[in-house]
Amino acid sequence: AGKIIKSNKLSAAALTDFKRLIGKVDAVV
């Protein structure tokens, strides 16, 4: 996840647990 963030110059944070997305995002792929 960190490698993808770095190689694409993204400002996203890396997580390993998808349940931590609840309450933080509107939509997911």
mmCIF file of all heavy atoms, coordinates in Angstrom:
data_MODEL
# 
_entry.id   MODEL 
# 
loop_
_atom_site.group_PDB 
_atom_site.id 
_atom_site.type_symbol 
_atom_site.label_atom_id 
_atom_site.label_alt_id 
_atom_site.label_comp_id 
_atom_site.label_asym_id 
_atom_site.label_entity_id 
_atom_site.label_seq_id 
_atom_site.pdbx_PDB_ins_code 
_atom_site.Cartn_x 
_atom_site.Cartn_y 
_atom_site.Cartn_z 
_atom_site.occupancy 
_atom_site.B_iso_or_equiv 
_atom_site.pdbx_formal_charge 
_atom_site.auth_seq_id 
_atom_site.auth_comp_id 
_atom_site.auth_asym_id 
_atom_site.auth_atom_id 
_atom_site.pdbx_PDB_model_num 
ATOM 1   N N   . ALA A 1 1  ? 0.836   -1.201 0.000  1.00 0.00 ? 1  ALA A N   1 
ATOM 2   C CA  . ALA A 1 1  ? 0.000   0.000  0.000  1.00 0.00 ? 1  ALA A CA  1 
ATOM 3   C C   . ALA A 1 1  ? 0.872   1.252  0.000  1.00 0.00 ? 1  ALA A C   1 
ATOM 4   O O   . ALA A 1 1  ? 0.635   2.203  -0.752 1.00 0.00 ? 1  ALA A O   1 
ATOM 5   C CB  . ALA A 1 1  ? -0.930  -0.009 1.209  1.00 0.00 ? 1  ALA A CB  1 
ATOM 6   N N   . GLY A 1 2  ? 1.912   1.229  0.830  1.00 0.00 ? 2  GLY A N   1 
ATOM 7   C CA  . GLY A 1 2  ? 2.825   2.373  0.886  1.00 0.00 ? 2  GLY A CA  1 
ATOM 8   C C   . GLY A 1 2  ? 3.565   2.585  -0.410 1.00 0.00 ? 2  GLY A C   1 
ATOM 9   O O   . GLY A 1 2  ? 3.799   3.725  -0.835 1.00 0.00 ? 2  GLY A O   1 
ATOM 10  N N   . LYS A 1 3  ? 3.922   1.494  -1.064 1.00 0.00 ? 3  LYS A N   1 
ATOM 11  C CA  . LYS A 1 3  ? 4.632   1.583  -2.339 1.00 0.00 ? 3  LYS A CA  1 
ATOM 12  C C   . LYS A 1 3  ? 3.749   2.212  -3.414 1.00 0.00 ? 3  LYS A C   1 
ATOM 13  O O   . LYS A 1 3  ? 4.220   3.046  -4.210 1.00 0.00 ? 3  LYS A O   1 
ATOM 14  C CB  . LYS A 1 3  ? 5.066   0.180  -2.775 1.00 0.00 ? 3  LYS A CB  1 
ATOM 15  C CG  . LYS A 1 3  ? 5.870   0.145  -4.060 1.00 0.00 ? 3  LYS A CG  1 
ATOM 16  C CD  . LYS A 1 3  ? 6.265   -1.280 -4.414 1.00 0.00 ? 3  LYS A CD  1 
ATOM 17  C CE  . LYS A 1 3  ? 7.025   -1.330 -5.737 1.00 0.00 ? 3  LYS A CE  1 
ATOM 18  N NZ  . LYS A 1 3  ? 7.379   -2.728 -6.105 1.00 0.00 ? 3  LYS A NZ  1 
ATOM 19  N N   . ILE A 1 4  ? 2.474   1.831  -3.437 1.00 0.00 ? 4  ILE A N   1 
ATOM 20  C CA  . ILE A 1 4  ? 1.545   2.400  -4.417 1.00 0.00 ? 4  ILE A CA  1 
ATOM 21  C C   . ILE A 1 4  ? 1.357   3.891  -4.159 1.00 0.00 ? 4  ILE A C   1 
ATOM 22  O O   . ILE A 1 4  ? 1.307   4.708  -5.088 1.00 0.00 ? 4  ILE A O   1 
ATOM 23  C CB  . ILE A 1 4  ? 0.182   1.675  -4.372 1.00 0.00 ? 4  ILE A CB  1 
ATOM 24  C CG1 . ILE A 1 4  ? 0.343   0.200  -4.762 1.00 0.00 ? 4  ILE A CG1 1 
ATOM 25  C CG2 . ILE A 1 4  ? -0.838  2.363  -5.277 1.00 0.00 ? 4  ILE A CG2 1 
ATOM 26  C CD1 . ILE A 1 4  ? 0.879   -0.045 -6.144 1.00 0.00 ? 4  ILE A CD1 1 
ATOM 27  N N   . ILE A 1 5  ? 1.257   4.271  -2.901 1.00 0.00 ? 5  ILE A N   1 
ATOM 28  C CA  . ILE A 1 5  ? 1.111   5.683  -2.536 1.00 0.00 ? 5  ILE A CA  1 
ATOM 29  C C   . ILE A 1 5  ? 2.324   6.479  -3.009 1.00 0.00 ? 5  ILE A C   1 
ATOM 30  O O   . ILE A 1 5  ? 2.187   7.549  -3.621 1.00 0.00 ? 5  ILE A O   1 
ATOM 31  C CB  . ILE A 1 5  ? 0.928   5.826  -1.012 1.00 0.00 ? 5  ILE A CB  1 
ATOM 32  C CG1 . ILE A 1 5  ? -0.444  5.272  -0.589 1.00 0.00 ? 5  ILE A CG1 1 
ATOM 33  C CG2 . ILE A 1 5  ? 1.072   7.287  -0.580 1.00 0.00 ? 5  ILE A CG2 1 
ATOM 34  C CD1 . ILE A 1 5  ? -0.616  5.137  0.908  1.00 0.00 ? 5  ILE A CD1 1 
ATOM 35  N N   . LYS A 1 6  ? 3.490   5.932  -2.767 1.00 0.00 ? 6  LYS A N   1 
ATOM 36  C CA  . LYS A 1 6  ? 4.730   6.638  -3.122 1.00 0.00 ? 6  LYS A CA  1 
ATOM 37  C C   . LYS A 1 6  ? 4.921   6.720  -4.632 1.00 0.00 ? 6  LYS A C   1 
ATOM 38  O O   . LYS A 1 6  ? 5.237   7.787  -5.175 1.00 0.00 ? 6  LYS A O   1 
ATOM 39  C CB  . LYS A 1 6  ? 5.925   5.926  -2.479 1.00 0.00 ? 6  LYS A CB  1 
ATOM 40  C CG  . LYS A 1 6  ? 7.243   6.648  -2.695 1.00 0.00 ? 6  LYS A CG  1 
ATOM 41  C CD  . LYS A 1 6  ? 8.382   5.940  -1.960 1.00 0.00 ? 6  LYS A CD  1 
ATOM 42  C CE  . LYS A 1 6  ? 9.707   6.670  -2.186 1.00 0.00 ? 6  LYS A CE  1 
ATOM 43  N NZ  . LYS A 1 6  ? 10.831  5.980  -1.480 1.00 0.00 ? 6  LYS A NZ  1 
ATOM 44  N N   . SER A 1 7  ? 4.715   5.598  -5.331 1.00 0.00 ? 7  SER A N   1 
ATOM 45  C CA  . SER A 1 7  ? 4.972   5.580  -6.777 1.00 0.00 ? 7  SER A CA  1 
ATOM 46  C C   . SER A 1 7  ? 4.010   6.462  -7.558 1.00 0.00 ? 7  SER A C   1 
ATOM 47  O O   . SER A 1 7  ? 4.346   6.965  -8.631 1.00 0.00 ? 7  SER A O   1 
ATOM 48  C CB  . SER A 1 7  ? 4.903   4.142  -7.301 1.00 0.00 ? 7  SER A CB  1 
ATOM 49  O OG  . SER A 1 7  ? 3.606   3.607  -7.128 1.00 0.00 ? 7  SER A OG  1 
ATOM 50  N N   . ASN A 1 8  ? 2.797   6.672  -7.028 1.00 0.00 ? 8  ASN A N   1 
ATOM 51  C CA  . ASN A 1 8  ? 1.814   7.523  -7.699 1.00 0.00 ? 8  ASN A CA  1 
ATOM 52  C C   . ASN A 1 8  ? 1.717   8.918  -7.090 1.00 0.00 ? 8  ASN A C   1 
ATOM 53  O O   . ASN A 1 8  ? 0.845   9.696  -7.475 1.00 0.00 ? 8  ASN A O   1 
ATOM 54  C CB  . ASN A 1 8  ? 0.437   6.847  -7.659 1.00 0.00 ? 8  ASN A CB  1 
ATOM 55  C CG  . ASN A 1 8  ? 0.350   5.627  -8.553 1.00 0.00 ? 8  ASN A CG  1 
ATOM 56  O OD1 . ASN A 1 8  ? 0.247   5.740  -9.767 1.00 0.00 ? 8  ASN A OD1 1 
ATOM 57  N ND2 . ASN A 1 8  ? 0.415   4.443  -7.956 1.00 0.00 ? 8  ASN A ND2 1 
ATOM 58  N N   . LYS A 1 9  ? 2.590   9.191  -6.139 1.00 0.00 ? 9  LYS A N   1 
ATOM 59  C CA  . LYS A 1 9  ? 2.642   10.502 -5.471 1.00 0.00 ? 9  LYS A CA  1 
ATOM 60  C C   . LYS A 1 9  ? 1.273   10.892 -4.904 1.00 0.00 ? 9  LYS A C   1 
ATOM 61  O O   . LYS A 1 9  ? 0.763   11.992 -5.136 1.00 0.00 ? 9  LYS A O   1 
ATOM 62  C CB  . LYS A 1 9  ? 3.156   11.575 -6.438 1.00 0.00 ? 9  LYS A CB  1 
ATOM 63  C CG  . LYS A 1 9  ? 4.562   11.298 -6.935 1.00 0.00 ? 9  LYS A CG  1 
ATOM 64  C CD  . LYS A 1 9  ? 5.039   12.356 -7.918 1.00 0.00 ? 9  LYS A CD  1 
ATOM 65  C CE  . LYS A 1 9  ? 6.443   12.029 -8.409 1.00 0.00 ? 9  LYS A CE  1 
ATOM 66  N NZ  . LYS A 1 9  ? 6.942   13.019 -9.406 1.00 0.00 ? 9  LYS A NZ  1 
ATOM 67  N N   . LEU A 1 10 ? 0.674   9.948  -4.168 1.00 0.00 ? 10 LEU A N   1 
ATOM 68  C CA  . LEU A 1 10 ? -0.650  10.157 -3.593 1.00 0.00 ? 10 LEU A CA  1 
ATOM 69  C C   . LEU A 1 10 ? -0.539  10.700 -2.168 1.00 0.00 ? 10 LEU A C   1 
ATOM 70  O O   . LEU A 1 10 ? 0.442   10.450 -1.473 1.00 0.00 ? 10 LEU A O   1 
ATOM 71  C CB  . LEU A 1 10 ? -1.424  8.823  -3.576 1.00 0.00 ? 10 LEU A CB  1 
ATOM 72  C CG  . LEU A 1 10 ? -1.584  8.124  -4.925 1.00 0.00 ? 10 LEU A CG  1 
ATOM 73  C CD1 . LEU A 1 10 ? -2.165  6.731  -4.739 1.00 0.00 ? 10 LEU A CD1 1 
ATOM 74  C CD2 . LEU A 1 10 ? -2.465  8.952  -5.849 1.00 0.00 ? 10 LEU A CD2 1 
ATOM 75  N N   . SER A 1 11 ? -1.562  11.408 -1.757 1.00 0.00 ? 11 SER A N   1 
ATOM 76  C CA  . SER A 1 11 ? -1.588  11.944 -0.394 1.00 0.00 ? 11 SER A CA  1 
ATOM 77  C C   . SER A 1 11 ? -2.364  11.034 0.554  1.00 0.00 ? 11 SER A C   1 
ATOM 78  O O   . SER A 1 11 ? -2.613  11.389 1.703  1.00 0.00 ? 11 SER A O   1 
ATOM 79  C CB  . SER A 1 11 ? -2.217  13.342 -0.387 1.00 0.00 ? 11 SER A CB  1 
ATOM 80  O OG  . SER A 1 11 ? -3.542  13.296 -0.895 1.00 0.00 ? 11 SER A OG  1 
ATOM 81  N N   . ALA A 1 12 ? -2.743  9.858  0.077  1.00 0.00 ? 12 ALA A N   1 
ATOM 82  C CA  . ALA A 1 12 ? -3.536  8.919  0.872  1.00 0.00 ? 12 ALA A CA  1 
ATOM 83  C C   . ALA A 1 12 ? -2.708  8.281  1.978  1.00 0.00 ? 12 ALA A C   1 
ATOM 84  O O   . ALA A 1 12 ? -1.477  8.244  1.921  1.00 0.00 ? 12 ALA A O   1 
ATOM 85  C CB  . ALA A 1 12 ? -4.104  7.827  -0.033 1.00 0.00 ? 12 ALA A CB  1 
ATOM 86  N N   . ALA A 1 13 ? -3.415  7.773  2.993  1.00 0.00 ? 13 ALA A N   1 
ATOM 87  C CA  . ALA A 1 13 ? -2.780  7.032  4.081  1.00 0.00 ? 13 ALA A CA  1 
ATOM 88  C C   . ALA A 1 13 ? -3.000  5.542  3.865  1.00 0.00 ? 13 ALA A C   1 
ATOM 89  O O   . ALA A 1 13 ? -3.992  5.132  3.259  1.00 0.00 ? 13 ALA A O   1 
ATOM 90  C CB  . ALA A 1 13 ? -3.374  7.458  5.422  1.00 0.00 ? 13 ALA A CB  1 
ATOM 91  N N   . ALA A 1 14 ? -2.077  4.718  4.353  1.00 0.00 ? 14 ALA A N   1 
ATOM 92  C CA  . ALA A 1 14 ? -2.172  3.264  4.204  1.00 0.00 ? 14 ALA A CA  1 
ATOM 93  C C   . ALA A 1 14 ? -2.815  2.643  5.440  1.00 0.00 ? 14 ALA A C   1 
ATOM 94  O O   . ALA A 1 14 ? -2.495  3.015  6.573  1.00 0.00 ? 14 ALA A O   1 
ATOM 95  C CB  . ALA A 1 14 ? -0.784  2.667  3.984  1.00 0.00 ? 14 ALA A CB  1 
ATOM 96  N N   . LEU A 1 15 ? -3.730  1.695  5.199  1.00 0.00 ? 15 LEU A N   1 
ATOM 97  C CA  . LEU A 1 15 ? -4.393  0.943  6.269  1.00 0.00 ? 15 LEU A CA  1 
ATOM 98  C C   . LEU A 1 15 ? -4.374  -0.545 5.936  1.00 0.00 ? 15 LEU A C   1 
ATOM 99  O O   . LEU A 1 15 ? -4.263  -0.918 4.768  1.00 0.00 ? 15 LEU A O   1 
ATOM 100 C CB  . LEU A 1 15 ? -5.854  1.389  6.430  1.00 0.00 ? 15 LEU A CB  1 
ATOM 101 C CG  . LEU A 1 15 ? -6.155  2.824  6.868  1.00 0.00 ? 15 LEU A CG  1 
ATOM 102 C CD1 . LEU A 1 15 ? -7.663  3.064  6.831  1.00 0.00 ? 15 LEU A CD1 1 
ATOM 103 C CD2 . LEU A 1 15 ? -5.611  3.095  8.258  1.00 0.00 ? 15 LEU A CD2 1 
ATOM 104 N N   . THR A 1 16 ? -4.503  -1.382 6.965  1.00 0.00 ? 16 THR A N   1 
ATOM 105 C CA  . THR A 1 16 ? -4.636  -2.825 6.726  1.00 0.00 ? 16 THR A CA  1 
ATOM 106 C C   . THR A 1 16 ? -6.030  -3.330 7.085  1.00 0.00 ? 16 THR A C   1 
ATOM 107 O O   . THR A 1 16 ? -6.402  -4.429 6.689  1.00 0.00 ? 16 THR A O   1 
ATOM 108 C CB  . THR A 1 16 ? -3.599  -3.609 7.549  1.00 0.00 ? 16 THR A CB  1 
ATOM 109 O OG1 . THR A 1 16 ? -3.739  -3.264 8.931  1.00 0.00 ? 16 THR A OG1 1 
ATOM 110 C CG2 . THR A 1 16 ? -2.177  -3.290 7.087  1.00 0.00 ? 16 THR A CG2 1 
ATOM 111 N N   . ASP A 1 17 ? -6.820  -2.535 7.819  1.00 0.00 ? 17 ASP A N   1 
ATOM 112 C CA  . ASP A 1 17 ? -8.162  -2.939 8.255  1.00 0.00 ? 17 ASP A CA  1 
ATOM 113 C C   . ASP A 1 17 ? -9.207  -2.052 7.587  1.00 0.00 ? 17 ASP A C   1 
ATOM 114 O O   . ASP A 1 17 ? -9.302  -0.858 7.885  1.00 0.00 ? 17 ASP A O   1 
ATOM 115 C CB  . ASP A 1 17 ? -8.276  -2.834 9.774  1.00 0.00 ? 17 ASP A CB  1 
ATOM 116 C CG  . ASP A 1 17 ? -9.622  -3.315 10.303 1.00 0.00 ? 17 ASP A CG  1 
ATOM 117 O OD1 . ASP A 1 17 ? -10.469 -3.760 9.492  1.00 0.00 ? 17 ASP A OD1 1 
ATOM 118 O OD2 . ASP A 1 17 ? -9.836  -3.232 11.531 1.00 0.00 ? 17 ASP A OD2 1 
ATOM 119 N N   . PHE A 1 18 ? -10.017 -2.631 6.685  1.00 0.00 ? 18 PHE A N   1 
ATOM 120 C CA  . PHE A 1 18 ? -11.003 -1.840 5.943  1.00 0.00 ? 18 PHE A CA  1 
ATOM 121 C C   . PHE A 1 18 ? -12.079 -1.250 6.846  1.00 0.00 ? 18 PHE A C   1 
ATOM 122 O O   . PHE A 1 18 ? -12.685 -0.228 6.512  1.00 0.00 ? 18 PHE A O   1 
ATOM 123 C CB  . PHE A 1 18 ? -11.644 -2.686 4.836  1.00 0.00 ? 18 PHE A CB  1 
ATOM 124 C CG  . PHE A 1 18 ? -12.627 -3.713 5.324  1.00 0.00 ? 18 PHE A CG  1 
ATOM 125 C CD1 . PHE A 1 18 ? -13.969 -3.404 5.480  1.00 0.00 ? 18 PHE A CD1 1 
ATOM 126 C CD2 . PHE A 1 18 ? -12.211 -4.997 5.637  1.00 0.00 ? 18 PHE A CD2 1 
ATOM 127 C CE1 . PHE A 1 18 ? -14.884 -4.345 5.919  1.00 0.00 ? 18 PHE A CE1 1 
ATOM 128 C CE2 . PHE A 1 18 ? -13.111 -5.949 6.085  1.00 0.00 ? 18 PHE A CE2 1 
ATOM 129 C CZ  . PHE A 1 18 ? -14.448 -5.613 6.238  1.00 0.00 ? 18 PHE A CZ  1 
ATOM 130 N N   . LYS A 1 19 ? -12.321 -1.844 7.989  1.00 0.00 ? 19 LYS A N   1 
ATOM 131 C CA  . LYS A 1 19 ? -13.372 -1.352 8.884  1.00 0.00 ? 19 LYS A CA  1 
ATOM 132 C C   . LYS A 1 19 ? -13.039 0.019  9.456  1.00 0.00 ? 19 LYS A C   1 
ATOM 133 O O   . LYS A 1 19 ? -13.932 0.752  9.915  1.00 0.00 ? 19 LYS A O   1 
ATOM 134 C CB  . LYS A 1 19 ? -13.638 -2.358 10.003 1.00 0.00 ? 19 LYS A CB  1 
ATOM 135 C CG  . LYS A 1 19 ? -14.307 -3.636 9.501  1.00 0.00 ? 19 LYS A CG  1 
ATOM 136 C CD  . LYS A 1 19 ? -14.597 -4.612 10.615 1.00 0.00 ? 19 LYS A CD  1 
ATOM 137 C CE  . LYS A 1 19 ? -15.249 -5.875 10.060 1.00 0.00 ? 19 LYS A CE  1 
ATOM 138 N NZ  . LYS A 1 19 ? -15.492 -6.876 11.123 1.00 0.00 ? 19 LYS A NZ  1 
ATOM 139 N N   . ARG A 1 20 ? -11.780 0.386  9.413  1.00 0.00 ? 20 ARG A N   1 
ATOM 140 C CA  . ARG A 1 20 ? -11.380 1.721  9.885  1.00 0.00 ? 20 ARG A CA  1 
ATOM 141 C C   . ARG A 1 20 ? -11.824 2.831  8.936  1.00 0.00 ? 20 ARG A C   1 
ATOM 142 O O   . ARG A 1 20 ? -11.728 4.020  9.269  1.00 0.00 ? 20 ARG A O   1 
ATOM 143 C CB  . ARG A 1 20 ? -9.861  1.762  10.091 1.00 0.00 ? 20 ARG A CB  1 
ATOM 144 C CG  . ARG A 1 20 ? -9.374  0.888  11.249 1.00 0.00 ? 20 ARG A CG  1 
ATOM 145 C CD  . ARG A 1 20 ? -7.883  0.961  11.416 1.00 0.00 ? 20 ARG A CD  1 
ATOM 146 N NE  . ARG A 1 20 ? -7.425  2.321  11.714 1.00 0.00 ? 20 ARG A NE  1 
ATOM 147 C CZ  . ARG A 1 20 ? -6.151  2.696  11.756 1.00 0.00 ? 20 ARG A CZ  1 
ATOM 148 N NH1 . ARG A 1 20 ? -5.201  1.813  11.491 1.00 0.00 ? 20 ARG A NH1 1 
ATOM 149 N NH2 . ARG A 1 20 ? -5.823  3.942  12.032 1.00 0.00 ? 20 ARG A NH2 1 
ATOM 150 N N   . LEU A 1 21 ? -12.342 2.459  7.776  1.00 0.00 ? 21 LEU A N   1 
ATOM 151 C CA  . LEU A 1 21 ? -12.840 3.455  6.823  1.00 0.00 ? 21 LEU A CA  1 
ATOM 152 C C   . LEU A 1 21 ? -14.206 4.003  7.232  1.00 0.00 ? 21 LEU A C   1 
ATOM 153 O O   . LEU A 1 21 ? -14.591 5.092  6.802  1.00 0.00 ? 21 LEU A O   1 
ATOM 154 C CB  . LEU A 1 21 ? -12.967 2.828  5.422  1.00 0.00 ? 21 LEU A CB  1 
ATOM 155 C CG  . LEU A 1 21 ? -11.681 2.322  4.767  1.00 0.00 ? 21 LEU A CG  1 
ATOM 156 C CD1 . LEU A 1 21 ? -12.021 1.620  3.456  1.00 0.00 ? 21 LEU A CD1 1 
ATOM 157 C CD2 . LEU A 1 21 ? -10.705 3.466  4.528  1.00 0.00 ? 21 LEU A CD2 1 
ATOM 158 N N   . ILE A 1 22 ? -14.940 3.246  8.045  1.00 0.00 ? 22 ILE A N   1 
ATOM 159 C CA  . ILE A 1 22 ? -16.303 3.638  8.416  1.00 0.00 ? 22 ILE A CA  1 
ATOM 160 C C   . ILE A 1 22 ? -16.291 4.978  9.144  1.00 0.00 ? 22 ILE A C   1 
ATOM 161 O O   . ILE A 1 22 ? -15.546 5.172  10.106 1.00 0.00 ? 22 ILE A O   1 
ATOM 162 C CB  . ILE A 1 22 ? -16.960 2.545  9.283  1.00 0.00 ? 22 ILE A CB  1 
ATOM 163 C CG1 . ILE A 1 22 ? -17.138 1.268  8.445  1.00 0.00 ? 22 ILE A CG1 1 
ATOM 164 C CG2 . ILE A 1 22 ? -18.308 3.016  9.813  1.00 0.00 ? 22 ILE A CG2 1 
ATOM 165 C CD1 . ILE A 1 22 ? -17.638 0.067  9.228  1.00 0.00 ? 22 ILE A CD1 1 
ATOM 166 N N   . GLY A 1 23 ? -17.095 5.901  8.624  1.00 0.00 ? 23 GLY A N   1 
ATOM 167 C CA  . GLY A 1 23 ? -17.163 7.237  9.196  1.00 0.00 ? 23 GLY A CA  1 
ATOM 168 C C   . GLY A 1 23 ? -16.113 8.195  8.662  1.00 0.00 ? 23 GLY A C   1 
ATOM 169 O O   . GLY A 1 23 ? -16.121 9.382  9.015  1.00 0.00 ? 23 GLY A O   1 
ATOM 170 N N   . LYS A 1 24 ? -15.225 7.693  7.786  1.00 0.00 ? 24 LYS A N   1 
ATOM 171 C CA  . LYS A 1 24 ? -14.129 8.535  7.293  1.00 0.00 ? 24 LYS A CA  1 
ATOM 172 C C   . LYS A 1 24 ? -14.187 8.801  5.792  1.00 0.00 ? 24 LYS A C   1 
ATOM 173 O O   . LYS A 1 24 ? -13.553 9.739  5.307  1.00 0.00 ? 24 LYS A O   1 
ATOM 174 C CB  . LYS A 1 24 ? -12.784 7.893  7.647  1.00 0.00 ? 24 LYS A CB  1 
ATOM 175 C CG  . LYS A 1 24 ? -12.519 7.808  9.144  1.00 0.00 ? 24 LYS A CG  1 
ATOM 176 C CD  . LYS A 1 24 ? -11.171 7.158  9.425  1.00 0.00 ? 24 LYS A CD  1 
ATOM 177 C CE  . LYS A 1 24 ? -10.902 7.092  10.920 1.00 0.00 ? 24 LYS A CE  1 
ATOM 178 N NZ  . LYS A 1 24 ? -9.621  6.419  11.221 1.00 0.00 ? 24 LYS A NZ  1 
ATOM 179 N N   . VAL A 1 25 ? -14.895 7.935  5.038  1.00 0.00 ? 25 VAL A N   1 
ATOM 180 C CA  . VAL A 1 25 ? -14.989 8.136  3.589  1.00 0.00 ? 25 VAL A CA  1 
ATOM 181 C C   . VAL A 1 25 ? -16.429 8.027  3.125  1.00 0.00 ? 25 VAL A C   1 
ATOM 182 O O   . VAL A 1 25 ? -17.289 7.491  3.830  1.00 0.00 ? 25 VAL A O   1 
ATOM 183 C CB  . VAL A 1 25 ? -14.110 7.118  2.812  1.00 0.00 ? 25 VAL A CB  1 
ATOM 184 C CG1 . VAL A 1 25 ? -12.641 7.284  3.164  1.00 0.00 ? 25 VAL A CG1 1 
ATOM 185 C CG2 . VAL A 1 25 ? -14.578 5.687  3.075  1.00 0.00 ? 25 VAL A CG2 1 
ATOM 186 N N   . ASP A 1 26 ? -16.676 8.528  1.907  1.00 0.00 ? 26 ASP A N   1 
ATOM 187 C CA  . ASP A 1 26 ? -18.018 8.474  1.316  1.00 0.00 ? 26 ASP A CA  1 
ATOM 188 C C   . ASP A 1 26 ? -18.193 7.259  0.408  1.00 0.00 ? 26 ASP A C   1 
ATOM 189 O O   . ASP A 1 26 ? -19.303 6.727  0.285  1.00 0.00 ? 26 ASP A O   1 
ATOM 190 C CB  . ASP A 1 26 ? -18.278 9.729  0.472  1.00 0.00 ? 26 ASP A CB  1 
ATOM 191 C CG  . ASP A 1 26 ? -18.042 11.014 1.241  1.00 0.00 ? 26 ASP A CG  1 
ATOM 192 O OD1 . ASP A 1 26 ? -18.627 11.162 2.324  1.00 0.00 ? 26 ASP A OD1 1 
ATOM 193 O OD2 . ASP A 1 26 ? -17.271 11.871 0.746  1.00 0.00 ? 26 ASP A OD2 1 
ATOM 194 N N   . ALA A 1 27 ? -17.109 6.851  -0.249 1.00 0.00 ? 27 ALA A N   1 
ATOM 195 C CA  . ALA A 1 27 ? -17.212 5.806  -1.269 1.00 0.00 ? 27 ALA A CA  1 
ATOM 196 C C   . ALA A 1 27 ? -15.916 5.017  -1.338 1.00 0.00 ? 27 ALA A C   1 
ATOM 197 O O   . ALA A 1 27 ? -14.831 5.555  -1.086 1.00 0.00 ? 27 ALA A O   1 
ATOM 198 C CB  . ALA A 1 27 ? -17.517 6.432  -2.629 1.00 0.00 ? 27 ALA A CB  1 
ATOM 199 N N   . VAL A 1 28 ? -16.041 3.732  -1.691 1.00 0.00 ? 28 VAL A N   1 
ATOM 200 C CA  . VAL A 1 28 ? -14.859 2.884  -1.811 1.00 0.00 ? 28 VAL A CA  1 
ATOM 201 C C   . VAL A 1 28 ? -14.918 2.055  -3.087 1.00 0.00 ? 28 VAL A C   1 
ATOM 202 O O   . VAL A 1 28 ? -15.994 1.784  -3.622 1.00 0.00 ? 28 VAL A O   1 
ATOM 203 C CB  . VAL A 1 28 ? -14.703 1.918  -0.612 1.00 0.00 ? 28 VAL A CB  1 
ATOM 204 C CG1 . VAL A 1 28 ? -14.633 2.674  0.706  1.00 0.00 ? 28 VAL A CG1 1 
ATOM 205 C CG2 . VAL A 1 28 ? -15.823 0.888  -0.582 1.00 0.00 ? 28 VAL A CG2 1 
ATOM 206 N N   . VAL A 1 29 ? -13.742 1.659  -3.550 1.00 0.00 ? 29 VAL A N   1 
ATOM 207 C CA  . VAL A 1 29 ? -13.602 0.668  -4.609 1.00 0.00 ? 29 VAL A CA  1 
ATOM 208 C C   . VAL A 1 29 ? -13.051 -0.587 -3.955 1.00 0.00 ? 29 VAL A C   1 
ATOM 209 O O   . VAL A 1 29 ? -12.020 -0.537 -3.276 1.00 0.00 ? 29 VAL A O   1 
ATOM 210 C CB  . VAL A 1 29 ? -12.650 1.140  -5.720 1.00 0.00 ? 29 VAL A CB  1 
ATOM 211 C CG1 . VAL A 1 29 ? -12.389 0.006  -6.712 1.00 0.00 ? 29 VAL A CG1 1 
ATOM 212 C CG2 . VAL A 1 29 ? -13.211 2.351  -6.432 1.00 0.00 ? 29 VAL A CG2 1 
# 
